[in-house]
Amino acid sequence: MATAKKKTARGRKQDRARVAGGQKYEVGYESKKTGRSASAIKKAVKKVGNSRKRVEKRLGR
């Protein structure tokens, strides 16, 4: 009998710490969270990188 592959939370925390500027749902989430437009989120990601902390700081949150 084959064993099922173990699922871990490894990498999830790292993924949550990033904003994927090309992913519509992530930009929408961040937009709703900060109250800023999607284009403002994309500009912030281009300017400071994809770190969620830096993006939110750039947007003045």
N, C-alpha and C. Protein backbone atom coordinates (compact mmCIF):
# COMPACT_ATOMS: atom_id res chain seq x y z
N MET A 1 0.83 -1.17 0.00
CA MET A 1 0.00 0.00 0.00
C MET A 1 0.89 1.25 0.00
N ALA A 2 0.60 2.16 -0.93
CA ALA A 2 1.38 3.40 -1.03
C ALA A 2 0.94 4.38 0.05
N THR A 3 1.90 5.11 0.59
CA THR A 3 1.55 6.10 1.60
C THR A 3 1.19 7.43 0.95
N ALA A 4 0.27 8.12 1.54
CA ALA A 4 -0.14 9.42 1.01
C ALA A 4 0.96 10.44 1.29
N LYS A 5 1.13 11.36 0.35
CA LYS A 5 2.13 12.40 0.54
C LYS A 5 1.68 13.34 1.65
N LYS A 6 2.59 13.61 2.57
CA LYS A 6 2.29 14.46 3.71
C LYS A 6 2.21 15.92 3.26
N LYS A 7 1.14 16.60 3.63
CA LYS A 7 1.00 18.01 3.31
C LYS A 7 1.48 18.83 4.50
N THR A 8 2.29 19.82 4.23
CA THR A 8 2.81 20.67 5.29
C THR A 8 2.47 22.12 4.99
N ALA A 9 2.64 22.95 5.97
CA ALA A 9 2.40 24.38 5.81
C ALA A 9 3.67 25.09 5.33
N ARG A 10 4.69 24.35 5.01
CA ARG A 10 5.96 24.93 4.61
C ARG A 10 5.77 25.77 3.35
N GLY A 11 6.22 26.99 3.40
CA GLY A 11 6.13 27.87 2.25
C GLY A 11 4.90 28.76 2.25
N ARG A 12 3.88 28.42 3.00
CA ARG A 12 2.66 29.24 3.01
C ARG A 12 2.91 30.60 3.64
N LYS A 13 3.67 30.63 4.71
CA LYS A 13 3.96 31.89 5.39
C LYS A 13 4.76 32.80 4.46
N GLN A 14 5.69 32.22 3.73
CA GLN A 14 6.49 32.99 2.79
C GLN A 14 5.61 33.54 1.68
N ASP A 15 4.66 32.74 1.22
CA ASP A 15 3.78 33.16 0.15
C ASP A 15 2.87 34.29 0.59
N ARG A 16 2.40 34.26 1.82
CA ARG A 16 1.53 35.31 2.34
C ARG A 16 2.26 36.63 2.53
N ALA A 17 3.57 36.57 2.63
CA ALA A 17 4.36 37.77 2.83
C ALA A 17 4.63 38.51 1.52
N ARG A 18 4.10 38.01 0.42
CA ARG A 18 4.33 38.59 -0.91
C ARG A 18 3.02 38.98 -1.57
N VAL A 19 3.10 39.98 -2.45
CA VAL A 19 1.95 40.38 -3.26
C VAL A 19 2.33 40.11 -4.71
N ALA A 20 1.60 39.22 -5.36
CA ALA A 20 1.86 38.92 -6.76
C ALA A 20 1.13 39.97 -7.60
N GLY A 21 1.87 40.93 -8.14
CA GLY A 21 1.27 42.02 -8.90
C GLY A 21 0.54 41.59 -10.15
N GLY A 22 0.87 40.42 -10.68
CA GLY A 22 0.23 39.92 -11.88
C GLY A 22 -1.00 39.07 -11.61
N GLN A 23 -1.27 38.77 -10.35
CA GLN A 23 -2.42 37.94 -9.99
C GLN A 23 -3.59 38.83 -9.61
N LYS A 24 -4.65 38.79 -10.42
CA LYS A 24 -5.80 39.66 -10.23
C LYS A 24 -6.41 39.52 -8.83
N TYR A 25 -6.52 38.29 -8.34
CA TYR A 25 -7.14 38.08 -7.03
C TYR A 25 -6.28 38.64 -5.90
N GLU A 26 -4.97 38.58 -6.03
CA GLU A 26 -4.11 39.13 -4.98
C GLU A 26 -4.14 40.65 -4.98
N VAL A 27 -4.13 41.23 -6.17
CA VAL A 27 -4.21 42.68 -6.28
C VAL A 27 -5.56 43.16 -5.75
N GLY A 28 -6.62 42.43 -6.07
CA GLY A 28 -7.96 42.77 -5.59
C GLY A 28 -8.06 42.69 -4.08
N TYR A 29 -7.47 41.65 -3.51
CA TYR A 29 -7.47 41.48 -2.05
C TYR A 29 -6.76 42.65 -1.38
N GLU A 30 -5.58 42.98 -1.88
CA GLU A 30 -4.80 44.06 -1.29
C GLU A 30 -5.51 45.40 -1.49
N SER A 31 -6.15 45.56 -2.61
CA SER A 31 -6.91 46.77 -2.89
C SER A 31 -8.05 46.95 -1.90
N LYS A 32 -8.78 45.88 -1.66
CA LYS A 32 -9.89 45.92 -0.72
C LYS A 32 -9.39 46.15 0.71
N LYS A 33 -8.28 45.53 1.03
CA LYS A 33 -7.70 45.62 2.37
C LYS A 33 -7.22 47.04 2.68
N THR A 34 -6.59 47.68 1.71
CA THR A 34 -6.01 49.01 1.93
C THR A 34 -6.93 50.15 1.50
N GLY A 35 -7.96 49.84 0.72
CA GLY A 35 -8.87 50.88 0.24
C GLY A 35 -8.30 51.68 -0.92
N ARG A 36 -7.29 51.15 -1.57
CA ARG A 36 -6.67 51.83 -2.71
C ARG A 36 -7.05 51.12 -4.00
N SER A 37 -6.81 51.77 -5.14
CA SER A 37 -7.18 51.17 -6.42
C SER A 37 -6.20 50.07 -6.81
N ALA A 38 -6.64 49.22 -7.73
CA ALA A 38 -5.78 48.13 -8.20
C ALA A 38 -4.54 48.68 -8.90
N SER A 39 -4.70 49.78 -9.64
CA SER A 39 -3.54 50.35 -10.32
C SER A 39 -2.53 50.91 -9.32
N ALA A 40 -3.01 51.46 -8.19
CA ALA A 40 -2.11 51.95 -7.16
C ALA A 40 -1.32 50.80 -6.55
N ILE A 41 -1.97 49.66 -6.37
CA ILE A 41 -1.30 48.47 -5.83
C ILE A 41 -0.21 48.01 -6.79
N LYS A 42 -0.54 47.93 -8.08
CA LYS A 42 0.44 47.49 -9.08
C LYS A 42 1.63 48.43 -9.14
N LYS A 43 1.37 49.73 -9.07
CA LYS A 43 2.46 50.71 -9.10
C LYS A 43 3.35 50.54 -7.87
N ALA A 44 2.74 50.33 -6.71
CA ALA A 44 3.51 50.14 -5.48
C ALA A 44 4.38 48.89 -5.56
N VAL A 45 3.83 47.81 -6.13
CA VAL A 45 4.60 46.56 -6.29
C VAL A 45 5.79 46.80 -7.21
N LYS A 46 5.58 47.55 -8.30
CA LYS A 46 6.68 47.84 -9.22
C LYS A 46 7.74 48.72 -8.55
N LYS A 47 7.29 49.65 -7.72
CA LYS A 47 8.21 50.60 -7.09
C LYS A 47 9.04 49.98 -5.97
N VAL A 48 8.40 49.23 -5.06
CA VAL A 48 9.11 48.74 -3.87
C VAL A 48 9.32 47.23 -3.83
N GLY A 49 8.81 46.52 -4.84
CA GLY A 49 8.97 45.07 -4.85
C GLY A 49 7.70 44.40 -4.34
N ASN A 50 7.73 43.08 -4.22
CA ASN A 50 6.51 42.34 -3.89
C ASN A 50 6.35 41.99 -2.42
N SER A 51 7.14 42.58 -1.55
CA SER A 51 6.99 42.37 -0.11
C SER A 51 5.71 43.06 0.36
N ARG A 52 4.83 42.30 1.00
CA ARG A 52 3.54 42.86 1.45
C ARG A 52 3.75 44.02 2.43
N LYS A 53 4.73 43.90 3.33
CA LYS A 53 5.00 44.95 4.30
C LYS A 53 5.41 46.25 3.61
N ARG A 54 6.31 46.13 2.64
CA ARG A 54 6.78 47.33 1.94
C ARG A 54 5.68 47.96 1.09
N VAL A 55 4.86 47.11 0.45
CA VAL A 55 3.77 47.62 -0.38
C VAL A 55 2.77 48.38 0.50
N GLU A 56 2.40 47.81 1.64
CA GLU A 56 1.45 48.47 2.53
C GLU A 56 2.04 49.76 3.10
N LYS A 57 3.32 49.75 3.39
CA LYS A 57 3.98 50.95 3.89
C LYS A 57 3.97 52.04 2.82
N ARG A 58 4.23 51.64 1.60
CA ARG A 58 4.24 52.58 0.46
C ARG A 58 2.84 53.20 0.25
N LEU A 59 1.80 52.40 0.48
CA LEU A 59 0.44 52.88 0.29
C LEU A 59 -0.05 53.69 1.50
N GLY A 60 0.76 53.79 2.52
CA GLY A 60 0.41 54.58 3.69
C GLY A 60 -0.54 53.90 4.64
N ARG A 61 -0.41 52.61 4.76
CA ARG A 61 -1.28 51.87 5.69
C ARG A 61 -0.55 51.58 6.97
